[in-house]
Amino acid sequence: MSKDCPPRSELDDLVMGRVPSRRTRRHVESCISCHAVLEQLGRDARLVQSLREAAVLLSDPATSDVIEACLDGGPPDATGAAPGGELRNN
């Protein structure tokens, strides 16, 4: 980034959907360095959002049980049998 680039906090604001200043908007439209930073910030924001969504899912005991069952060899079928026919201890 060059000395003319806006501070990272302004680029963060832009990624988060906040309206940037006119100066920042004009600069970012033509700055390759800022485009690269915005691209990375966007990927980071999507990763954080995915992790937050996963944390919400994992906080639900029913979801945690299904995930744990899948990691142990697959979810049980309707009879409570795991894939391969063995009964699970629930």
N, C-alpha and C. Protein backbone atom coordinates (compact mmCIF):
# COMPACT_ATOMS: atom_id res chain seq x y z
N MET A 1 0.84 -1.18 0.00
CA MET A 1 0.00 0.00 0.00
C MET A 1 0.89 1.24 0.00
N SER A 2 0.43 2.24 -0.69
CA SER A 2 1.21 3.47 -0.77
C SER A 2 0.80 4.42 0.34
N LYS A 3 1.57 5.50 0.45
CA LYS A 3 1.24 6.49 1.48
C LYS A 3 -0.08 7.20 1.18
N ASP A 4 -0.54 7.12 -0.08
CA ASP A 4 -1.81 7.75 -0.45
C ASP A 4 -3.02 6.87 -0.15
N CYS A 5 -2.77 5.61 0.18
CA CYS A 5 -3.88 4.68 0.44
C CYS A 5 -4.56 5.05 1.76
N PRO A 6 -5.87 4.83 1.82
CA PRO A 6 -6.57 5.10 3.08
C PRO A 6 -6.13 4.12 4.16
N PRO A 7 -6.33 4.48 5.41
CA PRO A 7 -5.96 3.56 6.49
C PRO A 7 -6.77 2.25 6.38
N ARG A 8 -6.18 1.20 6.89
CA ARG A 8 -6.83 -0.11 6.82
C ARG A 8 -8.23 -0.09 7.45
N SER A 9 -8.39 0.71 8.49
CA SER A 9 -9.70 0.77 9.15
C SER A 9 -10.78 1.24 8.17
N GLU A 10 -10.44 2.13 7.25
CA GLU A 10 -11.42 2.57 6.26
C GLU A 10 -11.73 1.46 5.27
N LEU A 11 -10.72 0.67 4.94
CA LEU A 11 -10.95 -0.47 4.04
C LEU A 11 -11.80 -1.53 4.75
N ASP A 12 -11.54 -1.73 6.04
CA ASP A 12 -12.38 -2.65 6.83
C ASP A 12 -13.83 -2.19 6.80
N ASP A 13 -14.03 -0.88 6.99
CA ASP A 13 -15.39 -0.34 6.96
C ASP A 13 -16.05 -0.62 5.61
N LEU A 14 -15.30 -0.46 4.55
CA LEU A 14 -15.84 -0.69 3.21
C LEU A 14 -16.28 -2.14 3.04
N VAL A 15 -15.46 -3.07 3.52
CA VAL A 15 -15.80 -4.50 3.44
C VAL A 15 -17.04 -4.80 4.27
N MET A 16 -17.19 -4.12 5.39
CA MET A 16 -18.33 -4.36 6.27
C MET A 16 -19.60 -3.66 5.79
N GLY A 17 -19.52 -2.99 4.64
CA GLY A 17 -20.71 -2.39 4.06
C GLY A 17 -20.96 -0.95 4.47
N ARG A 18 -20.03 -0.36 5.20
CA ARG A 18 -20.20 1.04 5.58
C ARG A 18 -19.79 1.93 4.41
N VAL A 19 -20.45 3.03 4.25
CA VAL A 19 -20.20 3.93 3.12
C VAL A 19 -18.89 4.68 3.36
N PRO A 20 -17.94 4.56 2.43
CA PRO A 20 -16.66 5.25 2.60
C PRO A 20 -16.77 6.72 2.21
N SER A 21 -15.76 7.48 2.58
CA SER A 21 -15.72 8.88 2.17
C SER A 21 -15.54 8.94 0.66
N ARG A 22 -15.86 10.07 0.09
CA ARG A 22 -15.70 10.25 -1.36
C ARG A 22 -14.24 10.03 -1.77
N ARG A 23 -13.32 10.56 -0.98
CA ARG A 23 -11.90 10.43 -1.27
C ARG A 23 -11.49 8.95 -1.28
N THR A 24 -11.92 8.21 -0.26
CA THR A 24 -11.59 6.79 -0.17
C THR A 24 -12.19 6.03 -1.35
N ARG A 25 -13.42 6.32 -1.67
CA ARG A 25 -14.10 5.64 -2.77
C ARG A 25 -13.35 5.87 -4.09
N ARG A 26 -12.98 7.12 -4.35
CA ARG A 26 -12.26 7.44 -5.59
C ARG A 26 -10.89 6.76 -5.61
N HIS A 27 -10.21 6.78 -4.50
CA HIS A 27 -8.88 6.16 -4.45
C HIS A 27 -8.97 4.66 -4.70
N VAL A 28 -9.87 3.99 -4.01
CA VAL A 28 -10.00 2.53 -4.10
C VAL A 28 -10.37 2.09 -5.52
N GLU A 29 -11.15 2.90 -6.22
CA GLU A 29 -11.57 2.55 -7.58
C GLU A 29 -10.38 2.36 -8.52
N SER A 30 -9.26 3.03 -8.23
CA SER A 30 -8.13 2.97 -9.16
C SER A 30 -6.85 2.40 -8.55
N CYS A 31 -6.87 1.96 -7.32
CA CYS A 31 -5.65 1.50 -6.65
C CYS A 31 -5.59 -0.03 -6.61
N ILE A 32 -4.61 -0.59 -7.30
CA ILE A 32 -4.43 -2.04 -7.33
C ILE A 32 -4.11 -2.58 -5.94
N SER A 33 -3.31 -1.86 -5.18
CA SER A 33 -2.95 -2.31 -3.83
C SER A 33 -4.18 -2.40 -2.94
N CYS A 34 -5.04 -1.39 -3.01
CA CYS A 34 -6.25 -1.40 -2.19
C CYS A 34 -7.19 -2.51 -2.64
N HIS A 35 -7.26 -2.76 -3.94
CA HIS A 35 -8.09 -3.87 -4.44
C HIS A 35 -7.62 -5.19 -3.84
N ALA A 36 -6.30 -5.39 -3.79
CA ALA A 36 -5.75 -6.63 -3.24
C ALA A 36 -6.09 -6.75 -1.75
N VAL A 37 -5.95 -5.64 -1.02
CA VAL A 37 -6.27 -5.65 0.42
C VAL A 37 -7.76 -5.93 0.61
N LEU A 38 -8.60 -5.29 -0.19
CA LEU A 38 -10.05 -5.51 -0.07
C LEU A 38 -10.42 -6.96 -0.38
N GLU A 39 -9.76 -7.54 -1.35
CA GLU A 39 -10.02 -8.95 -1.68
C GLU A 39 -9.68 -9.85 -0.50
N GLN A 40 -8.54 -9.61 0.12
CA GLN A 40 -8.14 -10.41 1.28
C GLN A 40 -9.08 -10.18 2.46
N LEU A 41 -9.44 -8.93 2.70
CA LEU A 41 -10.36 -8.62 3.79
C LEU A 41 -11.71 -9.30 3.56
N GLY A 42 -12.15 -9.34 2.31
CA GLY A 42 -13.41 -10.01 2.00
C GLY A 42 -13.34 -11.50 2.29
N ARG A 43 -12.22 -12.13 1.92
CA ARG A 43 -12.05 -13.56 2.22
C ARG A 43 -12.03 -13.78 3.72
N ASP A 44 -11.32 -12.92 4.43
CA ASP A 44 -11.25 -13.04 5.89
C ASP A 44 -12.64 -12.89 6.51
N ALA A 45 -13.41 -11.91 6.01
CA ALA A 45 -14.76 -11.68 6.56
C ALA A 45 -15.65 -12.89 6.31
N ARG A 46 -15.54 -13.51 5.12
CA ARG A 46 -16.35 -14.70 4.83
C ARG A 46 -15.94 -15.87 5.72
N LEU A 47 -14.65 -16.02 5.98
CA LEU A 47 -14.17 -17.08 6.87
C LEU A 47 -14.70 -16.87 8.28
N VAL A 48 -14.61 -15.66 8.77
CA VAL A 48 -15.11 -15.35 10.12
C VAL A 48 -16.60 -15.64 10.22
N GLN A 49 -17.35 -15.25 9.18
CA GLN A 49 -18.79 -15.50 9.18
C GLN A 49 -19.07 -16.99 9.19
N SER A 50 -18.33 -17.76 8.41
CA SER A 50 -18.52 -19.22 8.39
C SER A 50 -18.21 -19.83 9.75
N LEU A 51 -17.16 -19.36 10.39
CA LEU A 51 -16.81 -19.87 11.72
C LEU A 51 -17.88 -19.51 12.75
N ARG A 52 -18.43 -18.32 12.65
CA ARG A 52 -19.51 -17.93 13.56
C ARG A 52 -20.74 -18.82 13.37
N GLU A 53 -21.08 -19.08 12.11
CA GLU A 53 -22.23 -19.94 11.82
C GLU A 53 -21.99 -21.36 12.34
N ALA A 54 -20.76 -21.85 12.17
CA ALA A 54 -20.42 -23.18 12.66
C ALA A 54 -20.52 -23.23 14.19
N ALA A 55 -20.07 -22.18 14.85
CA ALA A 55 -20.13 -22.14 16.31
C ALA A 55 -21.57 -22.19 16.80
N VAL A 56 -22.46 -21.50 16.09
CA VAL A 56 -23.88 -21.53 16.46
C VAL A 56 -24.42 -22.95 16.29
N LEU A 57 -24.10 -23.58 15.17
CA LEU A 57 -24.56 -24.94 14.94
C LEU A 57 -24.02 -25.90 16.00
N LEU A 58 -22.76 -25.75 16.34
CA LEU A 58 -22.14 -26.65 17.31
C LEU A 58 -22.66 -26.43 18.72
N SER A 59 -23.23 -25.26 18.98
CA SER A 59 -23.77 -25.01 20.32
C SER A 59 -25.12 -25.71 20.52
N ASP A 60 -25.72 -26.19 19.45
CA ASP A 60 -26.98 -26.92 19.51
C ASP A 60 -26.66 -28.39 19.80
N PRO A 61 -27.10 -28.94 20.95
CA PRO A 61 -26.77 -30.32 21.30
C PRO A 61 -27.18 -31.34 20.23
N ALA A 62 -28.31 -31.15 19.59
CA ALA A 62 -28.75 -32.10 18.57
C ALA A 62 -27.78 -32.11 17.40
N THR A 63 -27.32 -30.94 16.98
CA THR A 63 -26.36 -30.86 15.89
C THR A 63 -25.04 -31.48 16.30
N SER A 64 -24.60 -31.21 17.52
CA SER A 64 -23.35 -31.79 18.01
C SER A 64 -23.41 -33.30 18.02
N ASP A 65 -24.56 -33.86 18.41
CA ASP A 65 -24.72 -35.32 18.43
C ASP A 65 -24.60 -35.90 17.03
N VAL A 66 -25.21 -35.26 16.05
CA VAL A 66 -25.15 -35.76 14.68
C VAL A 66 -23.73 -35.68 14.15
N ILE A 67 -23.05 -34.57 14.41
CA ILE A 67 -21.67 -34.42 13.95
C ILE A 67 -20.79 -35.47 14.60
N GLU A 68 -20.95 -35.67 15.89
CA GLU A 68 -20.16 -36.68 16.60
C GLU A 68 -20.43 -38.07 16.03
N ALA A 69 -21.69 -38.38 15.74
CA ALA A 69 -22.04 -39.68 15.16
C ALA A 69 -21.40 -39.85 13.79
N CYS A 70 -21.42 -38.80 13.00
CA CYS A 70 -20.80 -38.88 11.67
C CYS A 70 -19.30 -39.12 11.78
N LEU A 71 -18.67 -38.47 12.73
CA LEU A 71 -17.23 -38.66 12.92
C LEU A 71 -16.91 -40.06 13.43
N ASP A 72 -17.88 -40.70 14.09
CA ASP A 72 -17.69 -42.05 14.61
C ASP A 72 -18.07 -43.13 13.61
N GLY A 73 -18.37 -42.77 12.39
CA GLY A 73 -18.68 -43.79 11.40
C GLY A 73 -19.99 -43.59 10.68
N GLY A 74 -20.65 -42.52 10.91
CA GLY A 74 -21.89 -42.23 10.21
C GLY A 74 -23.06 -42.17 11.15
N PRO A 75 -24.06 -41.40 10.78
CA PRO A 75 -25.23 -41.27 11.65
C PRO A 75 -26.01 -42.58 11.70
N PRO A 76 -26.66 -42.85 12.80
CA PRO A 76 -27.47 -44.07 12.88
C PRO A 76 -28.67 -43.97 11.95
N ASP A 77 -29.17 -45.14 11.54
CA ASP A 77 -30.40 -45.12 10.75
C ASP A 77 -31.59 -45.04 11.71
N ALA A 78 -32.78 -45.18 11.20
CA ALA A 78 -33.99 -45.01 12.03
C ALA A 78 -34.08 -46.04 13.15
N THR A 79 -33.40 -47.20 13.02
CA THR A 79 -33.47 -48.23 14.05
C THR A 79 -32.41 -48.02 15.13
N GLY A 80 -31.53 -47.05 14.92
CA GLY A 80 -30.45 -46.83 15.88
C GLY A 80 -29.19 -47.59 15.51
N ALA A 81 -29.23 -48.30 14.38
CA ALA A 81 -28.05 -49.05 13.95
C ALA A 81 -27.12 -48.15 13.16
N ALA A 82 -25.85 -48.29 13.43
CA ALA A 82 -24.84 -47.56 12.69
C ALA A 82 -24.66 -48.24 11.34
N PRO A 83 -24.03 -47.57 10.38
CA PRO A 83 -23.75 -48.25 9.13
C PRO A 83 -23.00 -49.56 9.39
N GLY A 84 -23.41 -50.62 8.77
CA GLY A 84 -22.81 -51.92 9.03
C GLY A 84 -23.66 -52.76 9.95
N GLY A 85 -24.70 -52.18 10.57
CA GLY A 85 -25.64 -52.94 11.35
C GLY A 85 -25.45 -52.98 12.84
N GLU A 86 -24.33 -52.51 13.38
CA GLU A 86 -24.17 -52.58 14.83
C GLU A 86 -25.01 -51.51 15.51
N LEU A 87 -25.56 -51.83 16.65
CA LEU A 87 -26.39 -50.89 17.39
C LEU A 87 -25.52 -49.93 18.15
N ARG A 88 -25.98 -48.71 18.22
CA ARG A 88 -25.26 -47.66 18.93
C ARG A 88 -25.77 -47.59 20.35
N ASN A 89 -24.89 -47.23 21.26
CA ASN A 89 -25.28 -46.94 22.64
C ASN A 89 -25.54 -45.45 22.73
N ASN A 90 -26.78 -45.06 22.82
CA ASN A 90 -27.12 -43.62 22.92
C ASN A 90 -27.53 -43.26 24.31
